[in-house]
Amino acid sequence: MIDGADCRSGMMDFAKPVLRAGEGETTSSVKDLEQIYKEEKKHFELLQTAITELGGDATVETRSADVAGILSHGILQMVTDPRTTIALTLQAILTAEIMDNDGWQILIELAGELGQTRLKEQCQKAKDAEQIHLQSVHDLLSSMTLKEANFENALFESSGVDFKHEEREKAPTTEIAPIKNTPRKTKRPVKTG
């Protein structure tokens, strides 16, 4: 059964990062996340309409919706935690996008099996958009990770320590004597009487 909460759980993962993304990110990054959020909302509405058209009730929380909520709960906790950096938020969003992509693929196959051609086409369009979301989030995360790595490298270089030099002085080490593999002597209880 197609479940509106499956999409809702993915859409909710974008609410907080869009608001928090302005904490030092470029305007284009914020716009990318805002666009993804808008498209996720449209996907949610598409599924609500599809469920209703197929005779279902989009407001009922099924077991599938409950499981989707549980799965996305960890992602949502990470995204809303004030200690979570933007890069970590993007990792969480990337996880949600991977789940969304797979979910749309399943819906495409299900709609095809049920002979719902129009719904299958709509799901395919949504999956195509999800592929773009996935790539956008991946690219943004990769870019941020590279920036962080370059920043850390610059810090090391500015410290005056040459971490790349092959013949750097080794810190004095203490040798540890090998453990001898000798059997322990044990006293056996003496039987009396």
C-alpha atoms as a PDB file:
ATOM      1  CA  MET A   1       0.000   0.000   0.000  1.00  0.00           C
ATOM      2  CA  ILE A   2       1.250   3.494  -0.827  1.00  0.00           C
ATOM      3  CA  ASP A   3       1.717   5.412   2.380  1.00  0.00           C
ATOM      4  CA  GLY A   4       1.699   9.215   2.690  1.00  0.00           C
ATOM      5  CA  ALA A   5       3.772   9.124   5.847  1.00  0.00           C
ATOM      6  CA  ASP A   6       6.653   7.536   3.948  1.00  0.00           C
ATOM      7  CA  CYS A   7       7.050  10.760   1.984  1.00  0.00           C
ATOM      8  CA  ARG A   8       6.235  12.943   4.997  1.00  0.00           C
ATOM      9  CA  SER A   9       9.140  11.452   6.939  1.00  0.00           C
ATOM     10  CA  GLY A  10      11.571  12.313   4.141  1.00  0.00           C
ATOM     11  CA  MET A  11      10.138  15.807   3.721  1.00  0.00           C
ATOM     12  CA  MET A  12      10.434  16.626   7.414  1.00  0.00           C
ATOM     13  CA  ASP A  13      14.172  15.906   7.353  1.00  0.00           C
ATOM     14  CA  PHE A  14      14.619  19.058   5.287  1.00  0.00           C
ATOM     15  CA  ALA A  15      12.759  21.509   7.521  1.00  0.00           C
ATOM     16  CA  LYS A  16      15.538  22.303   9.991  1.00  0.00           C
ATOM     17  CA  PRO A  17      18.615  22.213   7.737  1.00  0.00           C
ATOM     18  CA  VAL A  18      17.076  24.748   5.377  1.00  0.00           C
ATOM     19  CA  LEU A  19      16.660  27.101   8.319  1.00  0.00           C
ATOM     20  CA  ARG A  20      20.137  26.349   9.684  1.00  0.00           C
ATOM     21  CA  ALA A  21      21.993  26.313   6.376  1.00  0.00           C
ATOM     22  CA  GLY A  22      22.527  30.062   6.489  1.00  0.00           C
ATOM     23  CA  GLU A  23      25.025  29.635   9.332  1.00  0.00           C
ATOM     24  CA  GLY A  24      27.989  30.163   7.028  1.00  0.00           C
ATOM     25  CA  GLU A  25      27.021  28.493   3.802  1.00  0.00           C
ATOM     26  CA  THR A  26      26.814  30.096   0.404  1.00  0.00           C
ATOM     27  CA  THR A  27      23.547  31.478  -0.908  1.00  0.00           C
ATOM     28  CA  SER A  28      23.479  28.839  -3.657  1.00  0.00           C
ATOM     29  CA  SER A  29      23.699  26.057  -1.050  1.00  0.00           C
ATOM     30  CA  VAL A  30      20.741  27.493   0.845  1.00  0.00           C
ATOM     31  CA  LYS A  31      18.777  27.881  -2.399  1.00  0.00           C
ATOM     32  CA  ASP A  32      19.557  24.252  -3.338  1.00  0.00           C
ATOM     33  CA  LEU A  33      18.243  23.026   0.011  1.00  0.00           C
ATOM     34  CA  GLU A  34      15.173  25.257  -0.204  1.00  0.00           C
ATOM     35  CA  GLN A  35      14.418  23.923  -3.699  1.00  0.00           C
ATOM     36  CA  ILE A  36      14.771  20.353  -2.486  1.00  0.00           C
ATOM     37  CA  TYR A  37      12.422  21.106   0.409  1.00  0.00           C
ATOM     38  CA  LYS A  38       9.806  22.574  -1.968  1.00  0.00           C
ATOM     39  CA  GLU A  39      10.014  19.524  -4.224  1.00  0.00           C
ATOM     40  CA  GLU A  40       9.753  17.158  -1.246  1.00  0.00           C
ATOM     41  CA  LYS A  41       6.562  18.960  -0.241  1.00  0.00           C
ATOM     42  CA  LYS A  42       5.157  18.496  -3.773  1.00  0.00           C
ATOM     43  CA  HIS A  43       6.044  14.794  -3.634  1.00  0.00           C
ATOM     44  CA  PHE A  44       4.166  14.481  -0.353  1.00  0.00           C
ATOM     45  CA  GLU A  45       1.118  16.118  -1.925  1.00  0.00           C
ATOM     46  CA  LEU A  46       1.399  13.791  -4.946  1.00  0.00           C
ATOM     47  CA  LEU A  47       1.288  10.759  -2.684  1.00  0.00           C
ATOM     48  CA  GLN A  48      -1.631  12.099  -0.665  1.00  0.00           C
ATOM     49  CA  THR A  49      -3.593  12.596  -3.895  1.00  0.00           C
ATOM     50  CA  ALA A  50      -2.608   9.159  -5.229  1.00  0.00           C
ATOM     51  CA  ILE A  51      -3.683   7.424  -2.035  1.00  0.00           C
ATOM     52  CA  THR A  52      -7.055   9.167  -2.115  1.00  0.00           C
ATOM     53  CA  GLU A  53      -7.574   8.434  -5.839  1.00  0.00           C
ATOM     54  CA  LEU A  54      -6.857   4.753  -5.198  1.00  0.00           C
ATOM     55  CA  GLY A  55      -9.526   4.693  -2.495  1.00  0.00           C
ATOM     56  CA  GLY A  56      -7.220   4.929   0.501  1.00  0.00           C
ATOM     57  CA  ASP A  57      -7.159   7.284   3.456  1.00  0.00           C
ATOM     58  CA  ALA A  58      -3.974   9.371   3.466  1.00  0.00           C
ATOM     59  CA  THR A  59      -4.524  10.316   7.115  1.00  0.00           C
ATOM     60  CA  VAL A  60      -4.376   6.749   8.455  1.00  0.00           C
ATOM     61  CA  GLU A  61      -1.096   5.824  10.084  1.00  0.00           C
ATOM     62  CA  THR A  62      -0.397   2.298   8.918  1.00  0.00           C
ATOM     63  CA  ARG A  63       2.319   0.005  10.217  1.00  0.00           C
ATOM     64  CA  SER A  64       4.382   1.007   7.190  1.00  0.00           C
ATOM     65  CA  ALA A  65       3.992   4.674   8.136  1.00  0.00           C
ATOM     66  CA  ASP A  66       4.988   3.845  11.700  1.00  0.00           C
ATOM     67  CA  VAL A  67       8.144   2.086  10.515  1.00  0.00           C
ATOM     68  CA  ALA A  68       8.990   5.001   8.215  1.00  0.00           C
ATOM     69  CA  GLY A  69       8.595   7.347  11.160  1.00  0.00           C
ATOM     70  CA  ILE A  70      10.880   5.240  13.316  1.00  0.00           C
ATOM     71  CA  LEU A  71      13.510   5.065  10.567  1.00  0.00           C
ATOM     72  CA  SER A  72      13.475   8.789   9.983  1.00  0.00           C
ATOM     73  CA  HIS A  73      13.413   9.620  13.701  1.00  0.00           C
ATOM     74  CA  GLY A  74      17.165   9.163  14.043  1.00  0.00           C
ATOM     75  CA  ILE A  75      17.813  11.349  11.023  1.00  0.00           C
ATOM     76  CA  LEU A  76      15.470  14.020  12.346  1.00  0.00           C
ATOM     77  CA  GLN A  77      17.133  13.918  15.780  1.00  0.00           C
ATOM     78  CA  MET A  78      20.531  14.418  14.184  1.00  0.00           C
ATOM     79  CA  VAL A  79      19.311  17.248  11.970  1.00  0.00           C
ATOM     80  CA  THR A  80      17.629  19.140  14.818  1.00  0.00           C
ATOM     81  CA  ASP A  81      20.453  18.703  17.341  1.00  0.00           C
ATOM     82  CA  PRO A  82      22.071  22.152  17.791  1.00  0.00           C
ATOM     83  CA  ARG A  83      25.503  20.508  18.039  1.00  0.00           C
ATOM     84  CA  THR A  84      25.194  19.043  14.543  1.00  0.00           C
ATOM     85  CA  THR A  85      27.304  20.840  11.966  1.00  0.00           C
ATOM     86  CA  ILE A  86      26.044  21.622   8.500  1.00  0.00           C
ATOM     87  CA  ALA A  87      28.281  18.865   7.092  1.00  0.00           C
ATOM     88  CA  LEU A  88      26.762  16.318   9.487  1.00  0.00           C
ATOM     89  CA  THR A  89      23.300  17.602   8.616  1.00  0.00           C
ATOM     90  CA  LEU A  90      24.098  16.997   4.951  1.00  0.00           C
ATOM     91  CA  GLN A  91      25.157  13.435   5.773  1.00  0.00           C
ATOM     92  CA  ALA A  92      21.764  12.893   7.396  1.00  0.00           C
ATOM     93  CA  ILE A  93      19.975  14.437   4.406  1.00  0.00           C
ATOM     94  CA  LEU A  94      22.004  12.229   2.073  1.00  0.00           C
ATOM     95  CA  THR A  95      20.767   9.182   3.978  1.00  0.00           C
ATOM     96  CA  ALA A  96      17.167  10.411   3.658  1.00  0.00           C
ATOM     97  CA  GLU A  97      17.638  11.015  -0.072  1.00  0.00           C
ATOM     98  CA  ILE A  98      18.954   7.494  -0.594  1.00  0.00           C
ATOM     99  CA  MET A  99      15.850   6.138   1.180  1.00  0.00           C
ATOM    100  CA  ASP A 100      13.594   8.441  -0.884  1.00  0.00           C
ATOM    101  CA  ASN A 101      15.149   7.272  -4.147  1.00  0.00           C
ATOM    102  CA  ASP A 102      14.594   3.652  -3.260  1.00  0.00           C
ATOM    103  CA  GLY A 103      11.037   4.360  -2.098  1.00  0.00           C
ATOM    104  CA  TRP A 104      10.142   6.012  -5.404  1.00  0.00           C
ATOM    105  CA  GLN A 105      11.575   3.061  -7.310  1.00  0.00           C
ATOM    106  CA  ILE A 106       9.351   0.692  -5.342  1.00  0.00           C
ATOM    107  CA  LEU A 107       6.318   2.904  -6.006  1.00  0.00           C
ATOM    108  CA  ILE A 108       7.113   2.961  -9.746  1.00  0.00           C
ATOM    109  CA  GLU A 109       7.206  -0.846  -9.802  1.00  0.00           C
ATOM    110  CA  LEU A 110       4.027  -1.115  -7.698  1.00  0.00           C
ATOM    111  CA  ALA A 111       2.095   1.340  -9.892  1.00  0.00           C
ATOM    112  CA  GLY A 112       3.223  -0.597 -12.976  1.00  0.00           C
ATOM    113  CA  GLU A 113       2.066  -3.902 -11.499  1.00  0.00           C
ATOM    114  CA  LEU A 114      -1.303  -2.372 -10.630  1.00  0.00           C
ATOM    115  CA  GLY A 115      -1.745  -0.967 -14.144  1.00  0.00           C
ATOM    116  CA  GLN A 116      -1.675   2.632 -12.859  1.00  0.00           C
ATOM    117  CA  THR A 117       0.133   4.158 -15.855  1.00  0.00           C
ATOM    118  CA  ARG A 118      -0.443   7.804 -14.914  1.00  0.00           C
ATOM    119  CA  LEU A 119       0.693   7.207 -11.339  1.00  0.00           C
ATOM    120  CA  LYS A 120       3.742   5.311 -12.591  1.00  0.00           C
ATOM    121  CA  GLU A 121       4.698   8.298 -14.776  1.00  0.00           C
ATOM    122  CA  GLN A 122       4.190  10.713 -11.880  1.00  0.00           C
ATOM    123  CA  CYS A 123       6.337   8.539  -9.631  1.00  0.00           C
ATOM    124  CA  GLN A 124       9.025   8.369 -12.310  1.00  0.00           C
ATOM    125  CA  LYS A 125       9.105  12.188 -12.506  1.00  0.00           C
ATOM    126  CA  ALA A 126       9.397  12.346  -8.728  1.00  0.00           C
ATOM    127  CA  LYS A 127      12.219   9.779  -8.786  1.00  0.00           C
ATOM    128  CA  ASP A 128      14.026  11.808 -11.458  1.00  0.00           C
ATOM    129  CA  ALA A 129      13.799  14.852  -9.167  1.00  0.00           C
ATOM    130  CA  GLU A 130      15.016  12.724  -6.247  1.00  0.00           C
ATOM    131  CA  GLN A 131      18.048  11.683  -8.294  1.00  0.00           C
ATOM    132  CA  ILE A 132      18.883  15.372  -8.706  1.00  0.00           C
ATOM    133  CA  HIS A 133      18.365  15.919  -4.959  1.00  0.00           C
ATOM    134  CA  LEU A 134      20.679  13.025  -4.202  1.00  0.00           C
ATOM    135  CA  GLN A 135      23.383  14.351  -6.513  1.00  0.00           C
ATOM    136  CA  SER A 136      23.014  17.928  -5.215  1.00  0.00           C
ATOM    137  CA  VAL A 137      23.324  16.893  -1.576  1.00  0.00           C
ATOM    138  CA  HIS A 138      26.232  14.579  -2.423  1.00  0.00           C
ATOM    139  CA  ASP A 139      28.053  17.356  -4.276  1.00  0.00           C
ATOM    140  CA  LEU A 140      27.464  19.867  -1.485  1.00  0.00           C
ATOM    141  CA  LEU A 141      28.655  17.412   1.152  1.00  0.00           C
ATOM    142  CA  SER A 142      31.737  16.538  -0.900  1.00  0.00           C
ATOM    143  CA  SER A 143      32.542  20.218  -1.343  1.00  0.00           C
ATOM    144  CA  MET A 144      32.168  20.928   2.377  1.00  0.00           C
ATOM    145  CA  THR A 145      34.252  17.904   3.320  1.00  0.00           C
ATOM    146  CA  LEU A 146      37.023  19.025   0.973  1.00  0.00           C
ATOM    147  CA  LYS A 147      36.908  22.551   2.416  1.00  0.00           C
ATOM    148  CA  GLU A 148      37.149  21.159   5.947  1.00  0.00           C
ATOM    149  CA  ALA A 149      40.084  18.938   4.978  1.00  0.00           C
ATOM    150  CA  ASN A 150      41.874  21.860   3.318  1.00  0.00           C
ATOM    151  CA  PHE A 151      41.223  24.025   6.392  1.00  0.00           C
ATOM    152  CA  GLU A 152      42.676  21.379   8.712  1.00  0.00           C
ATOM    153  CA  ASN A 153      45.664  20.984   6.406  1.00  0.00           C
ATOM    154  CA  ALA A 154      46.201  24.760   6.464  1.00  0.00           C
ATOM    155  CA  LEU A 155      46.116  24.679  10.275  1.00  0.00           C
ATOM    156  CA  PHE A 156      48.783  21.963  10.337  1.00  0.00           C
ATOM    157  CA  GLU A 157      50.935  23.881   7.881  1.00  0.00           C
ATOM    158  CA  SER A 158      50.600  27.142   9.826  1.00  0.00           C
ATOM    159  CA  SER A 159      51.709  25.376  13.006  1.00  0.00           C
ATOM    160  CA  GLY A 160      55.195  24.998  11.531  1.00  0.00           C
ATOM    161  CA  VAL A 161      55.220  21.227  11.931  1.00  0.00           C
ATOM    162  CA  ASP A 162      56.022  19.278   8.776  1.00  0.00           C
ATOM    163  CA  PHE A 163      53.622  16.337   8.917  1.00  0.00           C
ATOM    164  CA  LYS A 164      54.415  15.252   5.383  1.00  0.00           C
ATOM    165  CA  HIS A 165      58.189  14.988   5.739  1.00  0.00           C
ATOM    166  CA  GLU A 166      59.278  11.365   5.433  1.00  0.00           C
ATOM    167  CA  GLU A 167      62.413  11.719   7.557  1.00  0.00           C
ATOM    168  CA  ARG A 168      60.881  13.449  10.545  1.00  0.00           C
ATOM    169  CA  GLU A 169      62.312  12.813  13.964  1.00  0.00           C
ATOM    170  CA  LYS A 170      60.748   9.950  15.738  1.00  0.00           C
ATOM    171  CA  ALA A 171      59.668  10.396  19.310  1.00  0.00           C
ATOM    172  CA  PRO A 172      61.540   8.181  21.700  1.00  0.00           C
ATOM    173  CA  THR A 173      59.775   4.919  22.189  1.00  0.00           C
ATOM    174  CA  THR A 174      59.777   2.509  25.051  1.00  0.00           C
ATOM    175  CA  GLU A 175      60.217  -1.078  24.063  1.00  0.00           C
ATOM    176  CA  ILE A 176      57.860  -3.501  25.660  1.00  0.00           C
ATOM    177  CA  ALA A 177      59.248  -6.909  26.433  1.00  0.00           C
ATOM    178  CA  PRO A 178      57.411  -9.717  24.685  1.00  0.00           C
ATOM    179  CA  ILE A 179      55.088 -11.777  26.808  1.00  0.00           C
ATOM    180  CA  LYS A 180      56.476 -15.211  27.450  1.00  0.00           C
ATOM    181  CA  ASN A 181      54.172 -18.017  26.556  1.00  0.00           C
ATOM    182  CA  THR A 182      54.878 -20.268  29.489  1.00  0.00           C
ATOM    183  CA  PRO A 183      52.307 -22.431  31.188  1.00  0.00           C
ATOM    184  CA  ARG A 184      51.270 -21.323  34.629  1.00  0.00           C
ATOM    185  CA  LYS A 185      51.885 -23.675  37.489  1.00  0.00           C
ATOM    186  CA  THR A 186      48.761 -24.428  39.382  1.00  0.00           C
ATOM    187  CA  LYS A 187      48.355 -26.345  42.573  1.00  0.00           C
ATOM    188  CA  ARG A 188      45.923 -29.177  42.364  1.00  0.00           C
ATOM    189  CA  PRO A 189      43.729 -29.788  45.333  1.00  0.00           C
ATOM    190  CA  VAL A 190      44.791 -32.784  47.309  1.00  0.00           C
ATOM    191  CA  LYS A 191      42.090 -35.325  47.920  1.00  0.00           C
ATOM    192  CA  THR A 192      41.730 -36.416  51.446  1.00  0.00           C
ATOM    193  CA  GLY A 193      39.985 -39.428  52.708  1.00  0.00           C
END
